Every structure is written in structure tokens, then in C-alpha cells.
């Protein structure tokens, strides 16, 4: 690793960091839900659409409003299976479950777009010698892997950690530690870039990573609640500002660590 970099490795969030959703969730979710229901009915399951979807959403909302939601990740498959069991269908094949979930997520995939500065920034970082990794909070691993491939960014990353696959979610320090263990580096040699203060920034700070908050899509209730309590180490408005930030951090480190001449004053 080149000695001119302030870090050996950089971790990225995915949604609203490298890619963005080009519509409004309340407009798209009904379409996704309709595909889920249609797939279940085509598979032969007799369910009442509105009541089933309400049960499904209530089950998910109940979990994510609980304190344990910051520590472990339950998958979409788990939630779907648990609701179907309540409706009298406790034994459903893996193939059927995955087919129904794919139909639902396919609607959402069409609305995720890559940010205009993502590829150029990742290419710069790769050429500069940084190792890159991704940590994404999501209840379906296949969903994230599809989004990564659709964006064409997989080859830039040494690994892609999805909370649904590893069982813990940001800000749990364990998922960040998995990344550090892969590289066998201390937290002081890595940075985390993400849009959520309560997940990306807090999680990074818990494990000792340098935290970089990207703000262009960060104006939402989830962040408003933490503006006064969670402070990132650095802030950028867009991903394309990251190379300049890293250059500035490197210059600051050189000034801080260079030997002082006899009689000179400290900064």
C-alpha cells in the first residue's frame, strides 16, 4: 500500500451513497407489494391481499422499532415465512419463497440508479492504491447483490458485506470488525463513507474508523434525529469530493508527523 494515502482501506455504504432511488417509496411500494401477492397466489396460496400485506408490514415495523434492530438482522424471508405460517402455510419451499421475493424486489431494482460520480471516484481510489469494501444494511442479500451487479461496481470491491447474510447490521461494531479482519488492519487505517448518521457514522465511530458523512441524500427523519448527537469526522456533499478530502487529510497528517526543526514552534 502506498505510503501517500491517509488510509489503507475505505468502506462504503450502498444505498444513497453509491446508488440512489429515483422515485418516491410510497409510489413504488404498492407495485412491489402487488407483485409479491400475485406470486403467492400463482403459487397456490389463498390470501386476502390487504390484510396479508398489513400483517407483513406490521411484522417488519414491529422489529425495526425494537431496540434489538440495531444489533441483529432478520431477513425478508424470515418475515414472509412467519406471516405465511400464521395464515396456515407453515411449510413452503425455499424456491417458492425466493421466487416471490424476487418478484417483489424486481420492481424496486428498476428505480435504483448509480450516482454520476460513483465509477470515476471508485476508479480513482483503486488507481491510488486503496482497498475498497462495502457494508450494506438490507434484509435480503440477493437484493443487494443484484443492485451491485446492476450498478457495475462489484469488481472495485474486495468484499460486500450484507447484514442479511452476516446476521448483524450497522451500527453493530461486529459487521465493521468483519471488514477489518478481512484486511487484517487496525481501525485507524480505514475510513467509512455513508449517508446515515445512526448507522454508518455511529457504527464507524464505535469501532474506531474515520467516519465520512455524505450529505447529498441525507436530508431525512433518520438523520434529523441525530444531528446534535452524532458528529462525523468529515463531511462531503457528493462522492466526487472524496479524493480531495483524502488529499487534504494526507497533507494534514504529513504536517502533524513531520520532524520539527530545533527552535521551531508547534502548531
C-alpha atoms as a PDB file:
ATOM      1  CA  UNK A   1       0.000   0.000   0.000  1.00  0.00           C
ATOM      2  CA  UNK A   2       1.372   3.368  -0.979  1.00  0.00           C
ATOM      3  CA  UNK A   3       2.553   5.465   1.964  1.00  0.00           C
ATOM      4  CA  UNK A   4       0.972   8.607   0.495  1.00  0.00           C
ATOM      5  CA  UNK A   5      -2.552   7.563   1.482  1.00  0.00           C
ATOM      6  CA  UNK A   6      -4.077   8.527   4.838  1.00  0.00           C
ATOM      7  CA  UNK A   7      -5.798   5.102   4.979  1.00  0.00           C
ATOM      8  CA  UNK A   8      -5.194   1.633   3.630  1.00  0.00           C
ATOM      9  CA  UNK A   9      -8.856   0.881   3.030  1.00  0.00           C
ATOM     10  CA  UNK A  10     -12.214   2.598   2.600  1.00  0.00           C
ATOM     11  CA  UNK A  11     -15.631   1.131   3.360  1.00  0.00           C
ATOM     12  CA  UNK A  12     -18.784   2.282   1.597  1.00  0.00           C
ATOM     13  CA  UNK A  13     -22.476   2.110   2.220  1.00  0.00           C
ATOM     14  CA  UNK A  14     -24.554   1.313  -0.892  1.00  0.00           C
ATOM     15  CA  UNK A  15     -27.984   2.987  -0.997  1.00  0.00           C
ATOM     16  CA  UNK A  16     -27.925   6.815  -1.102  1.00  0.00           C
ATOM     17  CA  UNK A  17     -24.129   6.650  -1.191  1.00  0.00           C
ATOM     18  CA  UNK A  18     -23.141   4.844  -4.400  1.00  0.00           C
ATOM     19  CA  UNK A  19     -26.644   4.498  -5.847  1.00  0.00           C
ATOM     20  CA  UNK A  20     -29.893   6.418  -5.381  1.00  0.00           C
ATOM     21  CA  UNK A  21     -33.628   5.719  -5.589  1.00  0.00           C
ATOM     22  CA  UNK A  22     -35.157   7.762  -8.415  1.00  0.00           C
ATOM     23  CA  UNK A  23     -38.770   7.736  -7.230  1.00  0.00           C
ATOM     24  CA  UNK A  24     -40.824   8.072  -4.057  1.00  0.00           C
ATOM     25  CA  UNK A  25     -41.092   4.978  -1.866  1.00  0.00           C
ATOM     26  CA  UNK A  26     -44.860   5.369  -1.246  1.00  0.00           C
ATOM     27  CA  UNK A  27     -45.415   5.320  -5.013  1.00  0.00           C
ATOM     28  CA  UNK A  28     -43.327   2.224  -5.702  1.00  0.00           C
ATOM     29  CA  UNK A  29     -44.053   0.023  -2.691  1.00  0.00           C
ATOM     30  CA  UNK A  30     -47.670  -0.706  -3.764  1.00  0.00           C
ATOM     31  CA  UNK A  31     -46.358  -2.035  -7.094  1.00  0.00           C
ATOM     32  CA  UNK A  32     -43.817  -4.224  -5.333  1.00  0.00           C
ATOM     33  CA  UNK A  33     -46.437  -5.496  -2.920  1.00  0.00           C
ATOM     34  CA  UNK A  34     -48.771  -6.314  -5.805  1.00  0.00           C
ATOM     35  CA  UNK A  35     -46.067  -8.453  -7.403  1.00  0.00           C
ATOM     36  CA  UNK A  36     -45.491 -10.276  -4.131  1.00  0.00           C
ATOM     37  CA  UNK A  37     -49.188 -11.043  -3.723  1.00  0.00           C
ATOM     38  CA  UNK A  38     -49.529 -12.133  -7.359  1.00  0.00           C
ATOM     39  CA  UNK A  39     -46.588 -14.518  -6.990  1.00  0.00           C
ATOM     40  CA  UNK A  40     -48.032 -16.040  -3.819  1.00  0.00           C
ATOM     41  CA  UNK A  41     -51.424 -16.534  -5.424  1.00  0.00           C
ATOM     42  CA  UNK A  42     -49.858 -18.021  -8.556  1.00  0.00           C
ATOM     43  CA  UNK A  43     -48.102 -20.499  -6.270  1.00  0.00           C
ATOM     44  CA  UNK A  44     -51.492 -21.562  -4.950  1.00  0.00           C
ATOM     45  CA  UNK A  45     -51.715 -19.736  -1.630  1.00  0.00           C
ATOM     46  CA  UNK A  46     -55.115 -18.350  -0.736  1.00  0.00           C
ATOM     47  CA  UNK A  47     -54.622 -15.000   0.971  1.00  0.00           C
ATOM     48  CA  UNK A  48     -56.582 -11.773   1.286  1.00  0.00           C
ATOM     49  CA  UNK A  49     -54.354  -9.071  -0.200  1.00  0.00           C
ATOM     50  CA  UNK A  50     -54.887  -6.055   2.057  1.00  0.00           C
ATOM     51  CA  UNK A  51     -54.925  -7.974   5.319  1.00  0.00           C
ATOM     52  CA  UNK A  52     -51.911 -10.108   4.413  1.00  0.00           C
ATOM     53  CA  UNK A  53     -49.849  -7.058   3.412  1.00  0.00           C
ATOM     54  CA  UNK A  54     -50.816  -5.311   6.631  1.00  0.00           C
ATOM     55  CA  UNK A  55     -49.685  -8.330   8.636  1.00  0.00           C
ATOM     56  CA  UNK A  56     -46.426  -8.429   6.672  1.00  0.00           C
ATOM     57  CA  UNK A  57     -45.747  -4.711   7.168  1.00  0.00           C
ATOM     58  CA  UNK A  58     -46.711  -4.814  10.854  1.00  0.00           C
ATOM     59  CA  UNK A  59     -44.304  -7.679  11.447  1.00  0.00           C
ATOM     60  CA  UNK A  60     -41.444  -5.760   9.853  1.00  0.00           C
ATOM     61  CA  UNK A  61     -42.279  -2.442  11.540  1.00  0.00           C
ATOM     62  CA  UNK A  62     -42.504  -4.134  14.924  1.00  0.00           C
ATOM     63  CA  UNK A  63     -38.995  -5.468  14.579  1.00  0.00           C
ATOM     64  CA  UNK A  64     -37.374  -2.278  13.310  1.00  0.00           C
ATOM     65  CA  UNK A  65     -38.945  -0.229  16.094  1.00  0.00           C
ATOM     66  CA  UNK A  66     -37.421  -2.522  18.724  1.00  0.00           C
ATOM     67  CA  UNK A  67     -34.008  -1.895  20.350  1.00  0.00           C
ATOM     68  CA  UNK A  68     -32.582  -5.168  19.044  1.00  0.00           C
ATOM     69  CA  UNK A  69     -32.907  -3.927  15.448  1.00  0.00           C
ATOM     70  CA  UNK A  70     -29.547  -2.182  15.871  1.00  0.00           C
ATOM     71  CA  UNK A  71     -27.815  -5.439  16.678  1.00  0.00           C
ATOM     72  CA  UNK A  72     -29.206  -8.299  14.564  1.00  0.00           C
ATOM     73  CA  UNK A  73     -30.768  -8.602  11.118  1.00  0.00           C
ATOM     74  CA  UNK A  74     -33.844 -10.668  10.347  1.00  0.00           C
ATOM     75  CA  UNK A  75     -34.285 -11.410   6.657  1.00  0.00           C
ATOM     76  CA  UNK A  76     -37.238 -10.738   4.378  1.00  0.00           C
ATOM     77  CA  UNK A  77     -37.547 -14.497   4.038  1.00  0.00           C
ATOM     78  CA  UNK A  78     -37.936 -14.824   7.797  1.00  0.00           C
ATOM     79  CA  UNK A  79     -40.695 -12.216   7.929  1.00  0.00           C
ATOM     80  CA  UNK A  80     -42.527 -13.669   4.937  1.00  0.00           C
ATOM     81  CA  UNK A  81     -42.342 -17.196   6.277  1.00  0.00           C
ATOM     82  CA  UNK A  82     -43.578 -16.141   9.707  1.00  0.00           C
ATOM     83  CA  UNK A  83     -46.625 -14.356   8.284  1.00  0.00           C
ATOM     84  CA  UNK A  84     -47.445 -17.229   5.941  1.00  0.00           C
ATOM     85  CA  UNK A  85     -47.254 -19.632   8.878  1.00  0.00           C
ATOM     86  CA  UNK A  86     -49.823 -17.518  10.710  1.00  0.00           C
ATOM     87  CA  UNK A  87     -52.040 -17.769   7.639  1.00  0.00           C
ATOM     88  CA  UNK A  88     -51.866 -21.559   7.746  1.00  0.00           C
ATOM     89  CA  UNK A  89     -48.915 -22.207   5.438  1.00  0.00           C
ATOM     90  CA  UNK A  90     -46.013 -23.305   7.665  1.00  0.00           C
ATOM     91  CA  UNK A  91     -44.248 -25.429   5.039  1.00  0.00           C
ATOM     92  CA  UNK A  92     -43.189 -23.542   1.928  1.00  0.00           C
ATOM     93  CA  UNK A  93     -40.267 -24.461  -0.296  1.00  0.00           C
ATOM     94  CA  UNK A  94     -37.175 -22.295  -0.494  1.00  0.00           C
ATOM     95  CA  UNK A  95     -37.673 -21.975  -4.258  1.00  0.00           C
ATOM     96  CA  UNK A  96     -41.189 -20.586  -3.830  1.00  0.00           C
ATOM     97  CA  UNK A  97     -40.171 -18.074  -1.174  1.00  0.00           C
ATOM     98  CA  UNK A  98     -37.248 -16.812  -3.220  1.00  0.00           C
ATOM     99  CA  UNK A  99     -39.335 -16.569  -6.384  1.00  0.00           C
ATOM    100  CA  UNK A 100     -41.912 -14.409  -4.597  1.00  0.00           C
ATOM    101  CA  UNK A 101     -39.268 -12.150  -3.083  1.00  0.00           C
ATOM    102  CA  UNK A 102     -37.505 -11.732  -6.427  1.00  0.00           C
ATOM    103  CA  UNK A 103     -40.765 -10.604  -7.999  1.00  0.00           C
ATOM    104  CA  UNK A 104     -41.193  -8.012  -5.249  1.00  0.00           C
ATOM    105  CA  UNK A 105     -37.631  -6.713  -5.367  1.00  0.00           C
ATOM    106  CA  UNK A 106     -37.554  -6.557  -9.176  1.00  0.00           C
ATOM    107  CA  UNK A 107     -39.965  -3.617  -9.019  1.00  0.00           C
ATOM    108  CA  UNK A 108     -37.593  -1.758  -6.692  1.00  0.00           C
ATOM    109  CA  UNK A 109     -34.495  -2.607  -8.736  1.00  0.00           C
ATOM    110  CA  UNK A 110     -35.835  -0.618 -11.676  1.00  0.00           C
ATOM    111  CA  UNK A 111     -35.686   2.570  -9.590  1.00  0.00           C
ATOM    112  CA  UNK A 112     -32.141   2.311  -8.239  1.00  0.00           C
ATOM    113  CA  UNK A 113     -29.649   4.318 -10.314  1.00  0.00           C
ATOM    114  CA  UNK A 114     -25.909   4.734 -10.000  1.00  0.00           C
ATOM    115  CA  UNK A 115     -24.671   8.175  -8.941  1.00  0.00           C
ATOM    116  CA  UNK A 116     -22.939  10.074 -11.727  1.00  0.00           C
ATOM    117  CA  UNK A 117     -19.654  10.295  -9.797  1.00  0.00           C
ATOM    118  CA  UNK A 118     -19.539   6.737  -8.422  1.00  0.00           C
ATOM    119  CA  UNK A 119     -17.494   4.972 -11.101  1.00  0.00           C
ATOM    120  CA  UNK A 120     -14.972   7.783 -11.521  1.00  0.00           C
ATOM    121  CA  UNK A 121     -14.444   8.008  -7.765  1.00  0.00           C
ATOM    122  CA  UNK A 122     -14.039   4.259  -7.305  1.00  0.00           C
ATOM    123  CA  UNK A 123     -11.625   4.111 -10.220  1.00  0.00           C
ATOM    124  CA  UNK A 124      -9.560   6.938  -8.742  1.00  0.00           C
ATOM    125  CA  UNK A 125      -9.389   5.168  -5.395  1.00  0.00           C
ATOM    126  CA  UNK A 126      -8.380   1.887  -6.986  1.00  0.00           C
ATOM    127  CA  UNK A 127      -5.650   3.571  -9.011  1.00  0.00           C
ATOM    128  CA  UNK A 128      -4.468   5.357  -5.869  1.00  0.00           C
ATOM    129  CA  UNK A 129      -3.956   2.010  -4.137  1.00  0.00           C
ATOM    130  CA  UNK A 130      -6.866   1.890  -1.711  1.00  0.00           C
ATOM    131  CA  UNK A 131      -8.575  -1.350  -0.787  1.00  0.00           C
ATOM    132  CA  UNK A 132     -12.359  -0.974  -1.019  1.00  0.00           C
ATOM    133  CA  UNK A 133     -15.144  -2.788   0.798  1.00  0.00           C
ATOM    134  CA  UNK A 134     -18.904  -2.423   1.125  1.00  0.00           C
ATOM    135  CA  UNK A 135     -21.228  -2.802   4.122  1.00  0.00           C
ATOM    136  CA  UNK A 136     -24.958  -2.623   3.421  1.00  0.00           C
ATOM    137  CA  UNK A 137     -27.896  -2.882   5.801  1.00  0.00           C
ATOM    138  CA  UNK A 138     -30.573  -4.887   3.994  1.00  0.00           C
ATOM    139  CA  UNK A 139     -32.987  -7.669   4.806  1.00  0.00           C
ATOM    140  CA  UNK A 140     -32.265  -9.584   1.596  1.00  0.00           C
ATOM    141  CA  UNK A 141     -28.750 -10.491   0.486  1.00  0.00           C
ATOM    142  CA  UNK A 142     -29.721 -11.372  -3.082  1.00  0.00           C
ATOM    143  CA  UNK A 143     -31.398  -7.992  -3.459  1.00  0.00           C
ATOM    144  CA  UNK A 144     -28.167  -6.170  -2.618  1.00  0.00           C
ATOM    145  CA  UNK A 145     -26.028  -8.420  -4.808  1.00  0.00           C
ATOM    146  CA  UNK A 146     -28.348  -7.693  -7.743  1.00  0.00           C
ATOM    147  CA  UNK A 147     -28.119  -3.945  -7.129  1.00  0.00           C
ATOM    148  CA  UNK A 148     -24.322  -4.175  -7.009  1.00  0.00           C
ATOM    149  CA  UNK A 149     -24.234  -6.001 -10.339  1.00  0.00           C
ATOM    150  CA  UNK A 150     -26.782  -3.662 -11.922  1.00  0.00           C
ATOM    151  CA  UNK A 151     -24.560  -0.721 -10.952  1.00  0.00           C
ATOM    152  CA  UNK A 152     -21.478  -2.449 -12.359  1.00  0.00           C
ATOM    153  CA  UNK A 153     -19.327  -1.829  -9.277  1.00  0.00           C
ATOM    154  CA  UNK A 154     -18.571  -5.349  -7.995  1.00  0.00           C
ATOM    155  CA  UNK A 155     -15.030  -5.520  -9.385  1.00  0.00           C
ATOM    156  CA  UNK A 156     -13.967  -2.495  -7.352  1.00  0.00           C
ATOM    157  CA  UNK A 157     -14.614  -4.191  -4.011  1.00  0.00           C
ATOM    158  CA  UNK A 158     -12.654  -6.794  -2.103  1.00  0.00           C
ATOM    159  CA  UNK A 159     -15.888  -7.911  -0.420  1.00  0.00           C
ATOM    160  CA  UNK A 160     -19.543  -6.970   0.001  1.00  0.00           C
ATOM    161  CA  UNK A 161     -20.981  -7.488   3.480  1.00  0.00           C
ATOM    162  CA  UNK A 162     -24.777  -7.533   3.700  1.00  0.00           C
ATOM    163  CA  UNK A 163     -26.441  -7.561   7.093  1.00  0.00           C
ATOM    164  CA  UNK A 164     -28.941 -10.197   5.930  1.00  0.00           C
ATOM    165  CA  UNK A 165     -26.058 -12.546   5.153  1.00  0.00           C
ATOM    166  CA  UNK A 166     -23.947 -11.996   8.273  1.00  0.00           C
ATOM    167  CA  UNK A 167     -26.800 -11.608  10.796  1.00  0.00           C
ATOM    168  CA  UNK A 168     -25.834  -8.226  12.255  1.00  0.00           C
ATOM    169  CA  UNK A 169     -26.484  -4.701  10.995  1.00  0.00           C
ATOM    170  CA  UNK A 170     -24.876  -1.298  11.256  1.00  0.00           C
ATOM    171  CA  UNK A 171     -24.181   0.297  13.736  1.00  0.00           C
ATOM    172  CA  UNK A 172     -23.265  -3.030  15.359  1.00  0.00           C
ATOM    173  CA  UNK A 173     -19.447  -2.980  15.622  1.00  0.00           C
ATOM    174  CA  UNK A 174     -19.280  -6.659  14.662  1.00  0.00           C
ATOM    175  CA  UNK A 175     -20.075  -6.038  10.996  1.00  0.00           C
ATOM    176  CA  UNK A 176     -17.331  -3.395  10.775  1.00  0.00           C
ATOM    177  CA  UNK A 177     -14.904  -5.711  12.543  1.00  0.00           C
ATOM    178  CA  UNK A 178     -15.569  -8.382   9.914  1.00  0.00           C
ATOM    179  CA  UNK A 179     -14.293  -5.938   7.308  1.00  0.00           C
ATOM    180  CA  UNK A 180     -11.175  -5.078   9.303  1.00  0.00           C
ATOM    181  CA  UNK A 181     -10.481  -8.754   9.925  1.00  0.00           C
ATOM    182  CA  UNK A 182     -10.616  -9.417   6.189  1.00  0.00           C
ATOM    183  CA  UNK A 183      -7.901  -6.842   5.582  1.00  0.00           C
ATOM    184  CA  UNK A 184      -6.053  -7.548   8.837  1.00  0.00           C
ATOM    185  CA  UNK A 185      -5.658  -3.852   9.541  1.00  0.00           C
ATOM    186  CA  UNK A 186      -6.383  -1.726  12.630  1.00  0.00           C
ATOM    187  CA  UNK A 187      -9.403   0.609  12.544  1.00  0.00           C
ATOM    188  CA  UNK A 188      -7.145   3.660  12.395  1.00  0.00           C
ATOM    189  CA  UNK A 189      -6.122   2.607   8.874  1.00  0.00           C
ATOM    190  CA  UNK A 190      -9.653   2.581   7.454  1.00  0.00           C
ATOM    191  CA  UNK A 191     -12.481   5.029   6.769  1.00  0.00           C
ATOM    192  CA  UNK A 192     -16.233   4.580   6.356  1.00  0.00           C
ATOM    193  CA  UNK A 193     -18.330   6.585   3.870  1.00  0.00           C
ATOM    194  CA  UNK A 194     -22.113   6.600   4.276  1.00  0.00           C
ATOM    195  CA  UNK A 195     -25.246   8.726   4.406  1.00  0.00           C
ATOM    196  CA  UNK A 196     -26.841   7.621   7.705  1.00  0.00           C
ATOM    197  CA  UNK A 197     -25.591   9.124  10.952  1.00  0.00           C
ATOM    198  CA  UNK A 198     -27.211   6.458  13.121  1.00  0.00           C
ATOM    199  CA  UNK A 199     -25.901   3.508  11.103  1.00  0.00           C
ATOM    200  CA  UNK A 200     -22.813   4.397   9.056  1.00  0.00           C
ATOM    201  CA  UNK A 201     -21.276   7.165  11.153  1.00  0.00           C
ATOM    202  CA  UNK A 202     -22.132   5.872  14.628  1.00  0.00           C
ATOM    203  CA  UNK A 203     -21.081   2.357  13.694  1.00  0.00           C
ATOM    204  CA  UNK A 204     -17.763   3.580  12.325  1.00  0.00           C
ATOM    205  CA  UNK A 205     -17.074   5.615  15.449  1.00  0.00           C
ATOM    206  CA  UNK A 206     -17.927   2.674  17.714  1.00  0.00           C
ATOM    207  CA  UNK A 207     -15.141   0.594  16.203  1.00  0.00           C
ATOM    208  CA  UNK A 208     -12.639   3.444  15.731  1.00  0.00           C
ATOM    209  CA  UNK A 209     -12.904   4.041  11.987  1.00  0.00           C
ATOM    210  CA  UNK A 210     -12.599   7.500  10.468  1.00  0.00           C
ATOM    211  CA  UNK A 211     -16.184   8.469   9.568  1.00  0.00           C
ATOM    212  CA  UNK A 212     -17.145  10.427   6.435  1.00  0.00           C
ATOM    213  CA  UNK A 213     -20.752  11.588   6.084  1.00  0.00           C
ATOM    214  CA  UNK A 214     -22.051  12.095   2.543  1.00  0.00           C
ATOM    215  CA  UNK A 215     -24.959  14.518   2.664  1.00  0.00           C
ATOM    216  CA  UNK A 216     -26.495  14.940  -0.797  1.00  0.00           C
ATOM    217  CA  UNK A 217     -29.288  12.443   0.001  1.00  0.00           C
ATOM    218  CA  UNK A 218     -29.116  12.621   3.782  1.00  0.00           C
ATOM    219  CA  UNK A 219     -31.950  15.058   4.485  1.00  0.00           C
ATOM    220  CA  UNK A 220     -34.439  12.728   6.144  1.00  0.00           C
ATOM    221  CA  UNK A 221     -36.007  11.997   9.540  1.00  0.00           C
ATOM    222  CA  UNK A 222     -33.470   9.287  10.326  1.00  0.00           C
ATOM    223  CA  UNK A 223     -30.649  11.832  10.221  1.00  0.00           C
ATOM    224  CA  UNK A 224     -32.553  14.775  11.670  1.00  0.00           C
ATOM    225  CA  UNK A 225     -32.890  12.871  14.925  1.00  0.00           C
ATOM    226  CA  UNK A 226     -29.098  12.589  15.273  1.00  0.00           C
ATOM    227  CA  UNK A 227     -27.780  15.940  14.045  1.00  0.00           C
ATOM    228  CA  UNK A 228     -26.934  17.139  17.551  1.00  0.00           C
ATOM    229  CA  UNK A 229     -25.626  13.852  18.928  1.00  0.00           C
ATOM    230  CA  UNK A 230     -23.605  12.072  16.217  1.00  0.00           C
ATOM    231  CA  UNK A 231     -20.769  14.025  14.649  1.00  0.00           C
ATOM    232  CA  UNK A 232     -18.795  12.641  11.696  1.00  0.00           C
ATOM    233  CA  UNK A 233     -15.043  13.117  11.428  1.00  0.00           C
ATOM    234  CA  UNK A 234     -15.524  14.668   7.995  1.00  0.00           C
ATOM    235  CA  UNK A 235     -18.350  15.614   5.658  1.00  0.00           C
ATOM    236  CA  UNK A 236     -18.732  15.706   1.885  1.00  0.00           C
ATOM    237  CA  UNK A 237     -21.696  16.786  -0.211  1.00  0.00           C
ATOM    238  CA  UNK A 238     -21.022  14.345  -3.059  1.00  0.00           C
ATOM    239  CA  UNK A 239     -18.870  11.299  -3.696  1.00  0.00           C
ATOM    240  CA  UNK A 240     -16.734  13.201  -6.180  1.00  0.00           C
ATOM    241  CA  UNK A 241     -15.404  15.303  -3.282  1.00  0.00           C
ATOM    242  CA  UNK A 242     -13.828  12.266  -1.619  1.00  0.00           C
ATOM    243  CA  UNK A 243     -10.460  12.335  -3.468  1.00  0.00           C
ATOM    244  CA  UNK A 244      -9.861  15.955  -2.448  1.00  0.00           C
ATOM    245  CA  UNK A 245     -10.802  15.180   1.144  1.00  0.00           C
ATOM    246  CA  UNK A 246      -8.344  12.285   1.255  1.00  0.00           C
ATOM    247  CA  UNK A 247      -5.636  14.514  -0.195  1.00  0.00           C
ATOM    248  CA  UNK A 248      -6.315  17.134   2.482  1.00  0.00           C
ATOM    249  CA  UNK A 249      -6.216  14.506   5.230  1.00  0.00           C
ATOM    250  CA  UNK A 250      -2.921  13.200   3.907  1.00  0.00           C
ATOM    251  CA  UNK A 251      -1.397  16.689   3.911  1.00  0.00           C
ATOM    252  CA  UNK A 252      -2.643  17.295   7.457  1.00  0.00           C
ATOM    253  CA  UNK A 253      -1.076  14.029   8.590  1.00  0.00           C
ATOM    254  CA  UNK A 254       2.244  14.911   6.990  1.00  0.00           C
ATOM    255  CA  UNK A 255       2.295  18.272   8.752  1.00  0.00           C
ATOM    256  CA  UNK A 256       1.344  16.659  12.079  1.00  0.00           C
ATOM    257  CA  UNK A 257       4.005  13.956  11.946  1.00  0.00           C
ATOM    258  CA  UNK A 258       6.970  15.698  10.257  1.00  0.00           C
ATOM    259  CA  UNK A 259      10.005  16.379  12.494  1.00  0.00           C
ATOM    260  CA  UNK A 260      10.294  19.918  13.812  1.00  0.00           C
ATOM    261  CA  UNK A 261      13.474  21.924  13.392  1.00  0.00           C
ATOM    262  CA  UNK A 262      15.242  22.980  16.534  1.00  0.00           C
ATOM    263  CA  UNK A 263      13.656  26.108  17.981  1.00  0.00           C
ATOM    264  CA  UNK A 264      10.527  25.899  15.832  1.00  0.00           C
ATOM    265  CA  UNK A 265       7.123  26.319  17.435  1.00  0.00           C
ATOM    266  CA  UNK A 266       4.435  23.636  17.375  1.00  0.00           C
ATOM    267  CA  UNK A 267       1.173  24.299  15.554  1.00  0.00           C
END
